[in-house]
PDB file of all heavy atoms in Angstrom:
ATOM      1  N   ASP A   1     125.852  98.273  94.503  1.00  0.00           N
ATOM      2  CA  ASP A   1     126.812  97.195  94.277  1.00  0.00           C
ATOM      3  C   ASP A   1     126.922  96.288  95.501  1.00  0.00           C
ATOM      4  O   ASP A   1     126.996  95.057  95.380  1.00  0.00           O
ATOM      5  CB  ASP A   1     128.178  97.778  93.936  1.00  0.00           C
ATOM      6  CG  ASP A   1     128.207  98.434  92.552  1.00  0.00           C
ATOM      7  OD1 ASP A   1     127.282  98.168  91.761  1.00  0.00           O
ATOM      8  OD2 ASP A   1     129.139  99.210  92.288  1.00  0.00           O
ATOM      9  N   GLU A   2     126.911  96.893  96.683  1.00  0.00           N
ATOM     10  CA  GLU A   2     126.987  96.103  97.922  1.00  0.00           C
ATOM     11  C   GLU A   2     125.741  95.232  98.083  1.00  0.00           C
ATOM     12  O   GLU A   2     125.834  94.066  98.487  1.00  0.00           O
ATOM     13  CB  GLU A   2     127.132  97.046  99.108  1.00  0.00           C
ATOM     14  CG  GLU A   2     127.262  96.345 100.446  1.00  0.00           C
ATOM     15  CD  GLU A   2     127.367  97.327 101.598  1.00  0.00           C
ATOM     16  OE1 GLU A   2     127.654  98.516 101.350  1.00  0.00           O
ATOM     17  OE2 GLU A   2     127.156  96.904 102.751  1.00  0.00           O
ATOM     18  N   VAL A   3     124.586  95.767  97.758  1.00  0.00           N
ATOM     19  CA  VAL A   3     123.341  94.992  97.820  1.00  0.00           C
ATOM     20  C   VAL A   3     123.408  93.814  96.848  1.00  0.00           C
ATOM     21  O   VAL A   3     123.020  92.691  97.179  1.00  0.00           O
ATOM     22  CB  VAL A   3     122.133  95.896  97.500  1.00  0.00           C
ATOM     23  CG1 VAL A   3     120.894  95.062  97.192  1.00  0.00           C
ATOM     24  CG2 VAL A   3     121.854  96.835  98.663  1.00  0.00           C
ATOM     25  N   ALA A   4     123.903  94.076  95.644  1.00  0.00           N
ATOM     26  CA  ALA A   4     123.994  93.014  94.641  1.00  0.00           C
ATOM     27  C   ALA A   4     124.903  91.887  95.122  1.00  0.00           C
ATOM     28  O   ALA A   4     124.563  90.696  94.997  1.00  0.00           O
ATOM     29  CB  ALA A   4     124.506  93.592  93.324  1.00  0.00           C
ATOM     30  N   ARG A   5     126.046  92.231  95.689  1.00  0.00           N
ATOM     31  CA  ARG A   5     126.957  91.197  96.195  1.00  0.00           C
ATOM     32  C   ARG A   5     126.308  90.393  97.313  1.00  0.00           C
ATOM     33  O   ARG A   5     126.388  89.159  97.347  1.00  0.00           O
ATOM     34  CB  ARG A   5     128.250  91.838  96.690  1.00  0.00           C
ATOM     35  CG  ARG A   5     129.184  92.313  95.587  1.00  0.00           C
ATOM     36  CD  ARG A   5     130.553  92.653  96.128  1.00  0.00           C
ATOM     37  NE  ARG A   5     130.507  93.760  97.078  1.00  0.00           N
ATOM     38  CZ  ARG A   5     130.633  95.032  96.735  1.00  0.00           C
ATOM     39  NH1 ARG A   5     130.792  95.371  95.460  1.00  0.00           N
ATOM     40  NH2 ARG A   5     130.585  95.978  97.661  1.00  0.00           N
ATOM     41  N   ALA A   6     125.639  91.081  98.238  1.00  0.00           N
ATOM     42  CA  ALA A   6     125.009  90.396  99.369  1.00  0.00           C
ATOM     43  C   ALA A   6     123.890  89.473  98.911  1.00  0.00           C
ATOM     44  O   ALA A   6     123.649  88.421  99.525  1.00  0.00           O
ATOM     45  CB  ALA A   6     124.474  91.422 100.363  1.00  0.00           C
ATOM     46  N   ALA A   7     123.211  89.847  97.843  1.00  0.00           N
ATOM     47  CA  ALA A   7     122.082  89.053  97.344  1.00  0.00           C
ATOM     48  C   ALA A   7     122.519  87.996  96.330  1.00  0.00           C
ATOM     49  O   ALA A   7     121.692  87.190  95.888  1.00  0.00           O
ATOM     50  CB  ALA A   7     121.042  89.974  96.708  1.00  0.00           C
ATOM     51  N   GLY A   8     123.796  88.002  95.938  1.00  0.00           N
ATOM     52  CA  GLY A   8     124.269  87.065  94.937  1.00  0.00           C
ATOM     53  C   GLY A   8     123.735  87.374  93.555  1.00  0.00           C
ATOM     54  O   GLY A   8     123.506  86.477  92.742  1.00  0.00           O
ATOM     55  N   LEU A   9     123.553  88.667  93.276  1.00  0.00           N
ATOM     56  CA  LEU A   9     122.996  89.114  92.004  1.00  0.00           C
ATOM     57  C   LEU A   9     123.915  90.145  91.368  1.00  0.00           C
ATOM     58  O   LEU A   9     124.851  90.644  92.005  1.00  0.00           O
ATOM     59  CB  LEU A   9     121.612  89.747  92.231  1.00  0.00           C
ATOM     60  CG  LEU A   9     120.538  88.894  92.905  1.00  0.00           C
ATOM     61  CD1 LEU A   9     119.362  89.782  93.320  1.00  0.00           C
ATOM     62  CD2 LEU A   9     120.067  87.788  91.967  1.00  0.00           C
ATOM     63  N   THR A  10     123.651  90.473  90.123  1.00  0.00           N
ATOM     64  CA  THR A  10     124.315  91.606  89.501  1.00  0.00           C
ATOM     65  C   THR A  10     123.511  92.871  89.814  1.00  0.00           C
ATOM     66  O   THR A  10     122.319  92.790  90.140  1.00  0.00           O
ATOM     67  CB  THR A  10     124.399  91.433  87.979  1.00  0.00           C
ATOM     68  OG1 THR A  10     123.070  91.482  87.431  1.00  0.00           O
ATOM     69  CG2 THR A  10     125.056  90.111  87.613  1.00  0.00           C
ATOM     70  N   PRO A  11     124.133  94.049  89.717  1.00  0.00           N
ATOM     71  CA  PRO A  11     123.360  95.283  89.919  1.00  0.00           C
ATOM     72  C   PRO A  11     122.152  95.382  88.997  1.00  0.00           C
ATOM     73  O   PRO A  11     121.077  95.823  89.423  1.00  0.00           O
ATOM     74  CB  PRO A  11     124.388  96.384  89.633  1.00  0.00           C
ATOM     75  CG  PRO A  11     125.694  95.765  90.016  1.00  0.00           C
ATOM     76  CD  PRO A  11     125.577  94.329  89.592  1.00  0.00           C
ATOM     77  N   ASP A  12     122.312  94.952  87.744  1.00  0.00           N
ATOM     78  CA  ASP A  12     121.178  95.000  86.812  1.00  0.00           C
ATOM     79  C   ASP A  12     120.050  94.076  87.261  1.00  0.00           C
ATOM     80  O   ASP A  12     118.862  94.393  87.075  1.00  0.00           O
ATOM     81  CB  ASP A  12     121.626  94.612  85.400  1.00  0.00           C
ATOM     82  CG  ASP A  12     122.399  95.728  84.715  1.00  0.00           C
ATOM     83  OD1 ASP A  12     122.333  96.876  85.191  1.00  0.00           O
ATOM     84  OD2 ASP A  12     123.075  95.441  83.703  1.00  0.00           O
ATOM     85  N   GLU A  13     120.397  92.929  87.844  1.00  0.00           N
ATOM     86  CA  GLU A  13     119.364  92.006  88.331  1.00  0.00           C
ATOM     87  C   GLU A  13     118.627  92.599  89.530  1.00  0.00           C
ATOM     88  O   GLU A  13     117.409  92.421  89.667  1.00  0.00           O
ATOM     89  CB  GLU A  13     119.995  90.664  88.693  1.00  0.00           C
ATOM     90  CG  GLU A  13     120.414  89.845  87.480  1.00  0.00           C
ATOM     91  CD  GLU A  13     121.203  88.601  87.841  1.00  0.00           C
ATOM     92  OE1 GLU A  13     121.893  88.612  88.884  1.00  0.00           O
ATOM     93  OE2 GLU A  13     121.136  87.622  87.084  1.00  0.00           O
ATOM     94  N   VAL A  14     119.352  93.309  90.389  1.00  0.00           N
ATOM     95  CA  VAL A  14     118.700  93.986  91.520  1.00  0.00           C
ATOM     96  C   VAL A  14     117.717  95.032  90.999  1.00  0.00           C
ATOM     97  O   VAL A  14     116.572  95.120  91.464  1.00  0.00           O
ATOM     98  CB  VAL A  14     119.744  94.645  92.448  1.00  0.00           C
ATOM     99  CG1 VAL A  14     119.043  95.523  93.496  1.00  0.00           C
ATOM    100  CG2 VAL A  14     120.602  93.589  93.137  1.00  0.00           C
ATOM    101  N   ILE A  15     118.155  95.809  90.019  1.00  0.00           N
ATOM    102  CA  ILE A  15     117.286  96.844  89.449  1.00  0.00           C
ATOM    103  C   ILE A  15     116.050  96.209  88.830  1.00  0.00           C
ATOM    104  O   ILE A  15     114.923  96.693  89.015  1.00  0.00           O
ATOM    105  CB  ILE A  15     118.053  97.676  88.411  1.00  0.00           C
ATOM    106  CG1 ILE A  15     119.162  98.478  89.088  1.00  0.00           C
ATOM    107  CG2 ILE A  15     117.103  98.612  87.653  1.00  0.00           C
ATOM    108  CD1 ILE A  15     120.124  99.151  88.110  1.00  0.00           C
ATOM    109  N   ALA A  16     116.231  95.105  88.123  1.00  0.00           N
ATOM    110  CA  ALA A  16     115.091  94.442  87.478  1.00  0.00           C
ATOM    111  C   ALA A  16     114.097  93.924  88.507  1.00  0.00           C
ATOM    112  O   ALA A  16     112.875  94.049  88.324  1.00  0.00           O
ATOM    113  CB  ALA A  16     115.589  93.301  86.599  1.00  0.00           C
ATOM    114  N   LEU A  17     114.604  93.339  89.595  1.00  0.00           N
ATOM    115  CA  LEU A  17     113.708  92.831  90.639  1.00  0.00           C
ATOM    116  C   LEU A  17     112.969  93.966  91.335  1.00  0.00           C
ATOM    117  O   LEU A  17     111.802  93.833  91.705  1.00  0.00           O
ATOM    118  CB  LEU A  17     114.502  92.026  91.675  1.00  0.00           C
ATOM    119  CG  LEU A  17     114.945  90.621  91.278  1.00  0.00           C
ATOM    120  CD1 LEU A  17     115.835  90.029  92.368  1.00  0.00           C
ATOM    121  CD2 LEU A  17     113.741  89.723  91.040  1.00  0.00           C
ATOM    122  N   HIS A  18     113.663  95.086  91.502  1.00  0.00           N
ATOM    123  CA  HIS A  18     113.066  96.213  92.229  1.00  0.00           C
ATOM    124  C   HIS A  18     112.068  96.976  91.369  1.00  0.00           C
ATOM    125  O   HIS A  18     111.026  97.433  91.863  1.00  0.00           O
ATOM    126  CB  HIS A  18     114.162  97.160  92.713  1.00  0.00           C
ATOM    127  CG  HIS A  18     113.679  98.241  93.624  1.00  0.00           C
ATOM    128  ND1 HIS A  18     113.490  99.542  93.204  1.00  0.00           N
ATOM    129  CD2 HIS A  18     113.307  98.205  94.939  1.00  0.00           C
ATOM    130  CE1 HIS A  18     113.052 100.262  94.216  1.00  0.00           C
ATOM    131  NE2 HIS A  18     112.928  99.487  95.282  1.00  0.00           N
ATOM    132  N   SER A  19     112.366  97.107  90.075  1.00  0.00           N
ATOM    133  CA  SER A  19     111.530  97.950  89.211  1.00  0.00           C
ATOM    134  C   SER A  19     110.522  97.153  88.394  1.00  0.00           C
ATOM    135  O   SER A  19     109.648  97.754  87.753  1.00  0.00           O
ATOM    136  CB  SER A  19     112.424  98.750  88.255  1.00  0.00           C
ATOM    137  OG  SER A  19     113.153  97.884  87.397  1.00  0.00           O
ATOM    138  N   GLY A  20     110.619  95.831  88.410  1.00  0.00           N
ATOM    139  CA  GLY A  20     109.716  95.024  87.593  1.00  0.00           C
ATOM    140  C   GLY A  20     108.280  95.046  88.074  1.00  0.00           C
ATOM    141  O   GLY A  20     107.405  95.681  87.464  1.00  0.00           O
ATOM    142  N   PRO A  21     107.966  94.366  89.184  1.00  0.00           N
ATOM    143  CA  PRO A  21     106.577  94.353  89.669  1.00  0.00           C
ATOM    144  C   PRO A  21     106.220  95.662  90.366  1.00  0.00           C
ATOM    145  O   PRO A  21     107.091  96.419  90.807  1.00  0.00           O
ATOM    146  CB  PRO A  21     106.580  93.188  90.662  1.00  0.00           C
ATOM    147  CG  PRO A  21     107.992  93.079  91.124  1.00  0.00           C
ATOM    148  CD  PRO A  21     108.853  93.520  89.980  1.00  0.00           C
ATOM    149  N   ARG A  22     104.933  95.930  90.446  1.00  0.00           N
ATOM    150  CA  ARG A  22     104.475  97.101  91.195  1.00  0.00           C
ATOM    151  C   ARG A  22     104.589  96.852  92.694  1.00  0.00           C
ATOM    152  O   ARG A  22     104.523  95.709  93.148  1.00  0.00           O
ATOM    153  CB  ARG A  22     103.030  97.447  90.830  1.00  0.00           C
ATOM    154  CG  ARG A  22     102.897  98.077  89.457  1.00  0.00           C
ATOM    155  CD  ARG A  22     101.525  98.649  89.212  1.00  0.00           C
ATOM    156  NE  ARG A  22     101.501  99.434  87.982  1.00  0.00           N
ATOM    157  CZ  ARG A  22     101.798 100.723  87.916  1.00  0.00           C
ATOM    158  NH1 ARG A  22     102.118 101.380  89.023  1.00  0.00           N
ATOM    159  NH2 ARG A  22     101.765 101.362  86.775  1.00  0.00           N
ATOM    160  N   SER A  23     104.761  97.926  93.445  1.00  0.00           N
ATOM    161  CA  SER A  23     104.888  97.855  94.899  1.00  0.00           C
ATOM    162  C   SER A  23     103.761  98.649  95.540  1.00  0.00           C
ATOM    163  O   SER A  23     103.419  99.742  95.083  1.00  0.00           O
ATOM    164  CB  SER A  23     106.233  98.433  95.359  1.00  0.00           C
ATOM    165  OG  SER A  23     107.307  97.721  94.780  1.00  0.00           O
ATOM    166  N   MET A  24     103.202  98.107  96.587  1.00  0.00           N
ATOM    167  CA  MET A  24     102.099  98.764  97.289  1.00  0.00           C
ATOM    168  C   MET A  24     102.640  99.697  98.374  1.00  0.00           C
ATOM    169  O   MET A  24     103.588  99.360  99.081  1.00  0.00           O
ATOM    170  CB  MET A  24     101.197  97.707  97.929  1.00  0.00           C
ATOM    171  CG  MET A  24     100.091  98.279  98.801  1.00  0.00           C
ATOM    172  SD  MET A  24      99.086  96.947  99.503  1.00  0.00           S
ATOM    173  CE  MET A  24      98.214  97.847 100.796  1.00  0.00           C
ATOM    174  N   VAL A  25     102.039 100.875  98.491  1.00  0.00           N
ATOM    175  CA  VAL A  25     102.345 101.764  99.610  1.00  0.00           C
ATOM    176  C   VAL A  25     101.526 101.296 100.814  1.00  0.00           C
ATOM    177  O   VAL A  25     100.296 101.409 100.823  1.00  0.00           O
ATOM    178  CB  VAL A  25     102.011 103.235  99.283  1.00  0.00           C
ATOM    179  CG1 VAL A  25     102.332 104.131 100.484  1.00  0.00           C
ATOM    180  CG2 VAL A  25     102.779 103.694  98.048  1.00  0.00           C
ATOM    181  N   PHE A  26     102.200 100.735 101.801  1.00  0.00           N
ATOM    182  CA  PHE A  26     101.501 100.224 102.973  1.00  0.00           C
ATOM    183  C   PHE A  26     101.138 101.343 103.946  1.00  0.00           C
ATOM    184  O   PHE A  26     100.053 101.335 104.533  1.00  0.00           O
ATOM    185  CB  PHE A  26     102.379  99.205 103.714  1.00  0.00           C
ATOM    186  CG  PHE A  26     102.392  97.844 103.084  1.00  0.00           C
ATOM    187  CD1 PHE A  26     103.289  97.540 102.078  1.00  0.00           C
ATOM    188  CD2 PHE A  26     101.500  96.864 103.492  1.00  0.00           C
ATOM    189  CE1 PHE A  26     103.310  96.290 101.494  1.00  0.00           C
ATOM    190  CE2 PHE A  26     101.511  95.609 102.913  1.00  0.00           C
ATOM    191  CZ  PHE A  26     102.416  95.318 101.909  1.00  0.00           C
ATOM    192  N   MET A  27     102.058 102.294 104.125  1.00  0.00           N
ATOM    193  CA  MET A  27     101.825 103.301 105.156  1.00  0.00           C
ATOM    194  C   MET A  27     102.798 104.454 104.970  1.00  0.00           C
ATOM    195  O   MET A  27     103.771 104.363 104.232  1.00  0.00           O
ATOM    196  CB  MET A  27     102.012 102.692 106.554  1.00  0.00           C
ATOM    197  CG  MET A  27     103.402 102.106 106.786  1.00  0.00           C
ATOM    198  SD  MET A  27     103.678 101.519 108.478  1.00  0.00           S
ATOM    199  CE  MET A  27     103.945 103.068 109.342  1.00  0.00           C
ATOM    200  N   LEU A  28     102.486 105.561 105.654  1.00  0.00           N
ATOM    201  CA  LEU A  28     103.399 106.685 105.803  1.00  0.00           C
ATOM    202  C   LEU A  28     103.788 106.756 107.265  1.00  0.00           C
ATOM    203  O   LEU A  28     102.935 106.639 108.146  1.00  0.00           O
ATOM    204  CB  LEU A  28     102.754 107.997 105.360  1.00  0.00           C
ATOM    205  CG  LEU A  28     102.195 108.069 103.935  1.00  0.00           C
ATOM    206  CD1 LEU A  28     101.578 109.450 103.691  1.00  0.00           C
ATOM    207  CD2 LEU A  28     103.279 107.791 102.905  1.00  0.00           C
ATOM    208  N   GLY A  29     105.073 106.953 107.534  1.00  0.00           N
ATOM    209  CA  GLY A  29     105.493 107.007 108.931  1.00  0.00           C
ATOM    210  C   GLY A  29     106.916 107.490 109.057  1.00  0.00           C
ATOM    211  O   GLY A  29     107.594 107.754 108.057  1.00  0.00           O
ATOM    212  N   PHE A  30     107.387 107.610 110.277  1.00  0.00           N
ATOM    213  CA  PHE A  30     108.739 108.050 110.627  1.00  0.00           C
ATOM    214  C   PHE A  30     108.894 109.550 110.431  1.00  0.00           C
ATOM    215  O   PHE A  30     109.422 110.244 111.290  1.00  0.00           O
ATOM    216  CB  PHE A  30     109.802 107.279 109.841  1.00  0.00           C
ATOM    217  CG  PHE A  30     111.222 107.674 110.147  1.00  0.00           C
ATOM    218  CD1 PHE A  30     111.736 107.511 111.421  1.00  0.00           C
ATOM    219  CD2 PHE A  30     112.036 108.215 109.167  1.00  0.00           C
ATOM    220  CE1 PHE A  30     113.041 107.879 111.710  1.00  0.00           C
ATOM    221  CE2 PHE A  30     113.341 108.584 109.438  1.00  0.00           C
ATOM    222  CZ  PHE A  30     113.844 108.408 110.722  1.00  0.00           C
ATOM    223  N   ALA A  31     108.458 110.066 109.274  1.00  0.00           N
ATOM    224  CA  ALA A  31     108.504 111.497 108.986  1.00  0.00           C
ATOM    225  C   ALA A  31     107.389 111.790 107.995  1.00  0.00           C
ATOM    226  O   ALA A  31     106.923 110.893 107.286  1.00  0.00           O
ATOM    227  CB  ALA A  31     109.861 111.892 108.397  1.00  0.00           C
ATOM    228  N   PRO A  32     106.913 113.032 107.904  1.00  0.00           N
ATOM    229  CA  PRO A  32     105.841 113.359 106.963  1.00  0.00           C
ATOM    230  C   PRO A  32     106.204 112.972 105.534  1.00  0.00           C
ATOM    231  O   PRO A  32     107.268 113.339 105.026  1.00  0.00           O
ATOM    232  CB  PRO A  32     105.692 114.874 107.112  1.00  0.00           C
ATOM    233  CG  PRO A  32     106.170 115.166 108.499  1.00  0.00           C
ATOM    234  CD  PRO A  32     107.288 114.202 108.735  1.00  0.00           C
ATOM    235  N   GLY A  33     105.313 112.204 104.887  1.00  0.00           N
ATOM    236  CA  GLY A  33     105.535 111.800 103.513  1.00  0.00           C
ATOM    237  C   GLY A  33     106.491 110.650 103.320  1.00  0.00           C
ATOM    238  O   GLY A  33     106.802 110.284 102.183  1.00  0.00           O
ATOM    239  N   HIS A  34     106.957 110.042 104.399  1.00  0.00           N
ATOM    240  CA  HIS A  34     107.925 108.943 104.333  1.00  0.00           C
ATOM    241  C   HIS A  34     107.172 107.645 104.058  1.00  0.00           C
ATOM    242  O   HIS A  34     106.531 107.078 104.933  1.00  0.00           O
ATOM    243  CB  HIS A  34     108.672 108.858 105.669  1.00  0.00           C
ATOM    244  CG  HIS A  34     109.877 107.976 105.655  1.00  0.00           C
ATOM    245  ND1 HIS A  34     109.806 106.620 105.870  1.00  0.00           N
ATOM    246  CD2 HIS A  34     111.187 108.261 105.468  1.00  0.00           C
ATOM    247  CE1 HIS A  34     111.032 106.107 105.831  1.00  0.00           C
ATOM    248  NE2 HIS A  34     111.882 107.079 105.581  1.00  0.00           N
ATOM    249  N   ALA A  35     107.232 107.182 102.795  1.00  0.00           N
ATOM    250  CA  ALA A  35     106.422 106.037 102.357  1.00  0.00           C
ATOM    251  C   ALA A  35     107.165 104.725 102.551  1.00  0.00           C
ATOM    252  O   ALA A  35     108.369 104.629 102.307  1.00  0.00           O
ATOM    253  CB  ALA A  35     106.043 106.210 100.893  1.00  0.00           C
ATOM    254  N   TYR A  36     106.421 103.702 102.979  1.00  0.00           N
ATOM    255  CA  TYR A  36     106.926 102.332 103.086  1.00  0.00           C
ATOM    256  C   TYR A  36     106.214 101.487 102.034  1.00  0.00           C
ATOM    257  O   TYR A  36     104.983 101.420 102.010  1.00  0.00           O
ATOM    258  CB  TYR A  36     106.654 101.762 104.471  1.00  0.00           C
ATOM    259  CG  TYR A  36     107.488 102.367 105.577  1.00  0.00           C
ATOM    260  CD1 TYR A  36     107.158 103.602 106.127  1.00  0.00           C
ATOM    261  CD2 TYR A  36     108.609 101.708 106.068  1.00  0.00           C
ATOM    262  CE1 TYR A  36     107.918 104.166 107.142  1.00  0.00           C
ATOM    263  CE2 TYR A  36     109.377 102.256 107.096  1.00  0.00           C
ATOM    264  CZ  TYR A  36     109.030 103.483 107.623  1.00  0.00           C
ATOM    265  OH  TYR A  36     109.786 104.042 108.625  1.00  0.00           O
ATOM    266  N   LEU A  37     106.998 100.820 101.169  1.00  0.00           N
ATOM    267  CA  LEU A  37     106.442 100.061 100.057  1.00  0.00           C
ATOM    268  C   LEU A  37     106.969  98.627 100.057  1.00  0.00           C
ATOM    269  O   LEU A  37     108.032  98.338 100.579  1.00  0.00           O
ATOM    270  CB  LEU A  37     106.794 100.702  98.719  1.00  0.00           C
ATOM    271  CG  LEU A  37     106.420 102.164  98.490  1.00  0.00           C
ATOM    272  CD1 LEU A  37     107.557 103.101  98.854  1.00  0.00           C
ATOM    273  CD2 LEU A  37     106.058 102.390  97.023  1.00  0.00           C
ATOM    274  N   GLY A  38     106.233  97.736  99.424  1.00  0.00           N
ATOM    275  CA  GLY A  38     106.652  96.342  99.295  1.00  0.00           C
ATOM    276  C   GLY A  38     105.481  95.550  98.717  1.00  0.00           C
ATOM    277  O   GLY A  38     104.506  96.127  98.235  1.00  0.00           O
ATOM    278  N   VAL A  39     105.554  94.214  98.810  1.00  0.00           N
ATOM    279  CA  VAL A  39     106.636  93.441  99.374  1.00  0.00           C
ATOM    280  C   VAL A  39     107.472  92.928  98.209  1.00  0.00           C
ATOM    281  O   VAL A  39     106.941  92.389  97.242  1.00  0.00           O
ATOM    282  CB  VAL A  39     106.087  92.260 100.186  1.00  0.00           C
ATOM    283  CG1 VAL A  39     107.216  91.425 100.753  1.00  0.00           C
ATOM    284  CG2 VAL A  39     105.163  92.731 101.301  1.00  0.00           C
ATOM    285  N   HIS A  40     108.820  93.038  98.290  1.00  0.00           N
ATOM    286  CA  HIS A  40     109.673  92.686  97.182  1.00  0.00           C
ATOM    287  C   HIS A  40     110.028  91.197  97.174  1.00  0.00           C
ATOM    288  O   HIS A  40     109.758  90.464  98.124  1.00  0.00           O
ATOM    289  CB  HIS A  40     110.954  93.528  97.244  1.00  0.00           C
ATOM    290  CG  HIS A  40     110.715  94.998  97.159  1.00  0.00           C
ATOM    291  ND1 HIS A  40     109.884  95.557  96.218  1.00  0.00           N
ATOM    292  CD2 HIS A  40     111.180  96.032  97.908  1.00  0.00           C
ATOM    293  CE1 HIS A  40     109.857  96.869  96.372  1.00  0.00           C
ATOM    294  NE2 HIS A  40     110.624  97.177  97.405  1.00  0.00           N
ATOM    295  N   ASP A  41     110.676  90.798  96.090  1.00  0.00           N
ATOM    296  CA  ASP A  41     111.139  89.420  95.922  1.00  0.00           C
ATOM    297  C   ASP A  41     112.009  89.009  97.116  1.00  0.00           C
ATOM    298  O   ASP A  41     112.752  89.821  97.677  1.00  0.00           O
ATOM    299  CB  ASP A  41     111.941  89.321  94.619  1.00  0.00           C
ATOM    300  CG  ASP A  41     112.270  87.896  94.241  1.00  0.00           C
ATOM    301  OD1 ASP A  41     113.196  87.314  94.847  1.00  0.00           O
ATOM    302  OD2 ASP A  41     111.622  87.357  93.323  1.00  0.00           O
ATOM    303  N   GLU A  42     111.934  87.742  97.485  1.00  0.00           N
ATOM    304  CA  GLU A  42     112.702  87.220  98.612  1.00  0.00           C
ATOM    305  C   GLU A  42     114.203  87.455  98.436  1.00  0.00           C
ATOM    306  O   GLU A  42     114.938  87.581  99.422  1.00  0.00           O
ATOM    307  CB  GLU A  42     112.418  85.718  98.779  1.00  0.00           C
ATOM    308  CG  GLU A  42     113.166  85.041  99.908  1.00  0.00           C
ATOM    309  CD  GLU A  42     112.804  85.592 101.280  1.00  0.00           C
ATOM    310  OE1 GLU A  42     111.641  85.973 101.490  1.00  0.00           O
ATOM    311  OE2 GLU A  42     113.715  85.636 102.146  1.00  0.00           O
TER     312      GLU A  42
END
């Protein structure tokens, strides 16, 4: 909910933006198996 308010979106719109397109795993780091993915909508 806080993310949605900060982005000027509804929670459902945040979910749609996050789950709609596929995201690439760029790397593993910080801890074993800790995946970094992107790049998401602006």
